Amino acid sequence: MKNKVTATHNSKMNFKVEVNGHKFFIDAGEKVGGENKGPRPKPLMLAALAGCTAMDVISILKKMRVEPDYFNVSVEGELTEEHPKQYNKMHIVYEFKGKDIPLNKLQKAVNLSEERYCGVSALYKKVILLTSEIRILE
């Protein structure tokens, strides 16, 4: 299976990106000649990881008949100082809220995503240190 993404130049550092028929803009900040009309490309790598693992975890939990009232995934990346600046560390935080949500099932769902199902995680792990934690909110 192949995927294709296009990035068509609009102006300055602004590009219209199309992914599976969905369109959005990426841009650079004003300091480097952009107009700040969209996200930067590197943080989209964090979004890809957050989205991939979040979809896995919620799908696995539904199969386990666990439905949290709230579920959020955030990913923080650490860039190298030298060019080419790249992520060398990413930390994933899984936040859950709900009555009687069993920690062991949350851990199992997260582990299955991180170790077996999330293709973004599998690729990133080859070159980036990935860490994670689970937080149960009140």
C-alpha atoms as a PDB file:
ATOM      1  CA  MET A   1       0.000   0.000   0.000  1.00  0.00           C
ATOM      2  CA  LYS A   2       1.273   3.453  -0.876  1.00  0.00           C
ATOM      3  CA  ASN A   3       0.291   6.853   0.449  1.00  0.00           C
ATOM      4  CA  LYS A   4       0.898  10.103  -1.341  1.00  0.00           C
ATOM      5  CA  VAL A   5       1.020  13.572   0.157  1.00  0.00           C
ATOM      6  CA  THR A   6       1.459  16.754  -1.854  1.00  0.00           C
ATOM      7  CA  ALA A   7       2.777  20.138  -0.758  1.00  0.00           C
ATOM      8  CA  THR A   8       2.054  22.899  -3.277  1.00  0.00           C
ATOM      9  CA  HIS A   9       3.823  26.231  -2.877  1.00  0.00           C
ATOM     10  CA  ASN A  10       1.530  29.229  -2.275  1.00  0.00           C
ATOM     11  CA  SER A  11       3.782  32.108  -1.247  1.00  0.00           C
ATOM     12  CA  LYS A  12       6.926  32.747   0.767  1.00  0.00           C
ATOM     13  CA  MET A  13       7.215  29.634   3.018  1.00  0.00           C
ATOM     14  CA  ASN A  14       3.521  28.701   2.827  1.00  0.00           C
ATOM     15  CA  PHE A  15       2.424  25.401   1.264  1.00  0.00           C
ATOM     16  CA  LYS A  16      -0.990  23.816   0.782  1.00  0.00           C
ATOM     17  CA  VAL A  17      -0.756  20.172   1.812  1.00  0.00           C
ATOM     18  CA  GLU A  18      -3.173  17.471   0.743  1.00  0.00           C
ATOM     19  CA  VAL A  19      -3.433  14.201   2.638  1.00  0.00           C
ATOM     20  CA  ASN A  20      -6.146  11.698   1.645  1.00  0.00           C
ATOM     21  CA  GLY A  21      -8.294  14.510   0.240  1.00  0.00           C
ATOM     22  CA  HIS A  22      -7.881  16.685   3.351  1.00  0.00           C
ATOM     23  CA  LYS A  23      -6.222  20.043   2.787  1.00  0.00           C
ATOM     24  CA  PHE A  24      -4.356  22.256   5.220  1.00  0.00           C
ATOM     25  CA  PHE A  25      -1.465  24.698   5.193  1.00  0.00           C
ATOM     26  CA  ILE A  26       2.034  24.439   6.594  1.00  0.00           C
ATOM     27  CA  ASP A  27       4.160  27.527   7.042  1.00  0.00           C
ATOM     28  CA  ALA A  28       7.208  28.924   8.769  1.00  0.00           C
ATOM     29  CA  GLY A  29       7.351  31.688  11.342  1.00  0.00           C
ATOM     30  CA  GLU A  30       7.946  35.311  10.419  1.00  0.00           C
ATOM     31  CA  LYS A  31      11.560  35.181  11.655  1.00  0.00           C
ATOM     32  CA  VAL A  32      12.485  32.812   8.831  1.00  0.00           C
ATOM     33  CA  GLY A  33      10.401  34.307   6.042  1.00  0.00           C
ATOM     34  CA  GLY A  34       7.034  32.700   6.680  1.00  0.00           C
ATOM     35  CA  GLU A  35       3.673  34.181   7.583  1.00  0.00           C
ATOM     36  CA  ASN A  36       2.658  31.773  10.379  1.00  0.00           C
ATOM     37  CA  LYS A  37      -0.415  30.577   8.440  1.00  0.00           C
ATOM     38  CA  GLY A  38      -0.084  26.949   9.489  1.00  0.00           C
ATOM     39  CA  PRO A  39       1.857  24.493  11.619  1.00  0.00           C
ATOM     40  CA  ARG A  40       5.520  23.752  11.052  1.00  0.00           C
ATOM     41  CA  PRO A  41       6.388  20.375   9.503  1.00  0.00           C
ATOM     42  CA  LYS A  42       8.360  18.897  12.435  1.00  0.00           C
ATOM     43  CA  PRO A  43       5.582  19.264  15.039  1.00  0.00           C
ATOM     44  CA  LEU A  44       3.343  17.352  12.621  1.00  0.00           C
ATOM     45  CA  MET A  45       5.596  14.380  13.389  1.00  0.00           C
ATOM     46  CA  LEU A  46       4.432  14.678  17.003  1.00  0.00           C
ATOM     47  CA  ALA A  47       0.821  14.894  15.836  1.00  0.00           C
ATOM     48  CA  ALA A  48       1.276  11.740  13.756  1.00  0.00           C
ATOM     49  CA  LEU A  49       2.521   9.838  16.793  1.00  0.00           C
ATOM     50  CA  ALA A  50      -0.206  11.205  19.083  1.00  0.00           C
ATOM     51  CA  GLY A  51      -2.943  10.383  16.594  1.00  0.00           C
ATOM     52  CA  CYS A  52      -1.647   6.921  15.763  1.00  0.00           C
ATOM     53  CA  THR A  53      -1.296   5.730  19.336  1.00  0.00           C
ATOM     54  CA  ALA A  54      -4.498   7.479  20.500  1.00  0.00           C
ATOM     55  CA  MET A  55      -6.561   5.685  17.846  1.00  0.00           C
ATOM     56  CA  ASP A  56      -4.998   2.351  18.795  1.00  0.00           C
ATOM     57  CA  VAL A  57      -5.569   2.821  22.516  1.00  0.00           C
ATOM     58  CA  ILE A  58      -9.207   3.912  22.259  1.00  0.00           C
ATOM     59  CA  SER A  59      -9.951   1.063  19.840  1.00  0.00           C
ATOM     60  CA  ILE A  60      -8.315  -1.524  22.111  1.00  0.00           C
ATOM     61  CA  LEU A  61     -10.109  -0.147  25.188  1.00  0.00           C
ATOM     62  CA  LYS A  62     -13.488  -0.379  23.436  1.00  0.00           C
ATOM     63  CA  LYS A  63     -12.787  -4.052  22.728  1.00  0.00           C
ATOM     64  CA  MET A  64     -12.014  -4.446  26.452  1.00  0.00           C
ATOM     65  CA  ARG A  65     -15.314  -2.683  27.230  1.00  0.00           C
ATOM     66  CA  VAL A  66     -13.491   0.199  28.899  1.00  0.00           C
ATOM     67  CA  GLU A  67     -14.822   3.610  27.900  1.00  0.00           C
ATOM     68  CA  PRO A  68     -13.140   6.525  29.655  1.00  0.00           C
ATOM     69  CA  ASP A  69     -15.081   9.760  30.120  1.00  0.00           C
ATOM     70  CA  TYR A  70     -12.004  11.641  28.929  1.00  0.00           C
ATOM     71  CA  PHE A  71      -8.958  10.534  26.979  1.00  0.00           C
ATOM     72  CA  ASN A  72      -6.112  12.728  25.761  1.00  0.00           C
ATOM     73  CA  VAL A  73      -2.689  12.015  24.320  1.00  0.00           C
ATOM     74  CA  SER A  74       0.050  14.626  24.239  1.00  0.00           C
ATOM     75  CA  VAL A  75       3.532  14.231  22.816  1.00  0.00           C
ATOM     76  CA  GLU A  76       6.491  16.433  23.592  1.00  0.00           C
ATOM     77  CA  GLY A  77       9.568  16.283  21.395  1.00  0.00           C
ATOM     78  CA  GLU A  78      13.102  17.413  22.099  1.00  0.00           C
ATOM     79  CA  LEU A  79      15.077  18.782  19.153  1.00  0.00           C
ATOM     80  CA  THR A  80      18.830  18.582  18.755  1.00  0.00           C
ATOM     81  CA  GLU A  81      20.784  21.856  18.870  1.00  0.00           C
ATOM     82  CA  GLU A  82      22.797  21.187  15.703  1.00  0.00           C
ATOM     83  CA  HIS A  83      21.578  21.147  12.113  1.00  0.00           C
ATOM     84  CA  PRO A  84      19.851  19.257  10.782  1.00  0.00           C
ATOM     85  CA  LYS A  85      17.667  19.847  13.839  1.00  0.00           C
ATOM     86  CA  GLN A  86      15.775  16.664  14.548  1.00  0.00           C
ATOM     87  CA  TYR A  87      13.887  15.014  17.357  1.00  0.00           C
ATOM     88  CA  ASN A  88      16.086  12.817  19.510  1.00  0.00           C
ATOM     89  CA  LYS A  89      13.512  12.273  22.273  1.00  0.00           C
ATOM     90  CA  MET A  90       9.725  12.121  22.408  1.00  0.00           C
ATOM     91  CA  HIS A  91       7.606  11.670  25.520  1.00  0.00           C
ATOM     92  CA  ILE A  92       3.977  10.521  25.291  1.00  0.00           C
ATOM     93  CA  VAL A  93       1.473  11.278  28.055  1.00  0.00           C
ATOM     94  CA  TYR A  94      -1.785   9.332  28.090  1.00  0.00           C
ATOM     95  CA  GLU A  95      -4.446  11.032  30.245  1.00  0.00           C
ATOM     96  CA  PHE A  96      -7.623   9.254  31.294  1.00  0.00           C
ATOM     97  CA  LYS A  97     -10.612  10.220  33.382  1.00  0.00           C
ATOM     98  CA  GLY A  98     -13.567   8.085  34.383  1.00  0.00           C
ATOM     99  CA  LYS A  99     -15.176   6.023  37.101  1.00  0.00           C
ATOM    100  CA  ASP A 100     -13.596   2.692  37.876  1.00  0.00           C
ATOM    101  CA  ILE A 101     -11.265   2.583  34.903  1.00  0.00           C
ATOM    102  CA  PRO A 102      -8.848  -0.300  35.545  1.00  0.00           C
ATOM    103  CA  LEU A 103      -5.186   0.727  35.369  1.00  0.00           C
ATOM    104  CA  ASN A 104      -4.115  -2.736  34.221  1.00  0.00           C
ATOM    105  CA  LYS A 105      -6.341  -2.479  31.130  1.00  0.00           C
ATOM    106  CA  LEU A 106      -5.090   1.021  30.374  1.00  0.00           C
ATOM    107  CA  GLN A 107      -1.507  -0.221  30.611  1.00  0.00           C
ATOM    108  CA  LYS A 108      -2.273  -3.196  28.389  1.00  0.00           C
ATOM    109  CA  ALA A 109      -3.887  -0.989  25.713  1.00  0.00           C
ATOM    110  CA  VAL A 110      -0.969   1.460  25.771  1.00  0.00           C
ATOM    111  CA  ASN A 111       1.592  -1.358  25.614  1.00  0.00           C
ATOM    112  CA  LEU A 112      -0.195  -3.023  22.689  1.00  0.00           C
ATOM    113  CA  SER A 113      -0.208   0.260  20.795  1.00  0.00           C
ATOM    114  CA  GLU A 114       3.414   1.072  21.527  1.00  0.00           C
ATOM    115  CA  GLU A 115       4.795  -2.424  21.002  1.00  0.00           C
ATOM    116  CA  ARG A 116       2.580  -3.909  18.300  1.00  0.00           C
ATOM    117  CA  TYR A 117       0.122  -1.692  16.442  1.00  0.00           C
ATOM    118  CA  CYS A 118       1.293   1.908  16.044  1.00  0.00           C
ATOM    119  CA  GLY A 119       3.358   2.097  12.868  1.00  0.00           C
ATOM    120  CA  VAL A 120       4.467   5.644  13.613  1.00  0.00           C
ATOM    121  CA  SER A 121       5.827   4.557  16.992  1.00  0.00           C
ATOM    122  CA  ALA A 122       7.569   1.548  15.434  1.00  0.00           C
ATOM    123  CA  LEU A 123       9.340   3.746  12.895  1.00  0.00           C
ATOM    124  CA  TYR A 124      10.297   6.505  15.333  1.00  0.00           C
ATOM    125  CA  LYS A 125      11.694   3.999  17.860  1.00  0.00           C
ATOM    126  CA  LYS A 126      14.378   3.072  15.372  1.00  0.00           C
ATOM    127  CA  VAL A 127      15.990   6.521  15.679  1.00  0.00           C
ATOM    128  CA  ILE A 128      14.357   8.363  18.593  1.00  0.00           C
ATOM    129  CA  LEU A 129      14.151   7.632  22.307  1.00  0.00           C
ATOM    130  CA  LEU A 130      10.426   7.214  23.056  1.00  0.00           C
ATOM    131  CA  THR A 131       9.110   7.275  26.618  1.00  0.00           C
ATOM    132  CA  SER A 132       5.579   7.370  27.957  1.00  0.00           C
ATOM    133  CA  GLU A 133       3.428   7.621  31.042  1.00  0.00           C
ATOM    134  CA  ILE A 134      -0.196   7.115  32.001  1.00  0.00           C
ATOM    135  CA  ARG A 135      -2.026   9.652  34.130  1.00  0.00           C
ATOM    136  CA  ILE A 136      -5.431   9.067  35.649  1.00  0.00           C
ATOM    137  CA  LEU A 137      -7.102  12.402  36.304  1.00  0.00           C
ATOM    138  CA  GLU A 138      -9.611  13.118  39.049  1.00  0.00           C
END
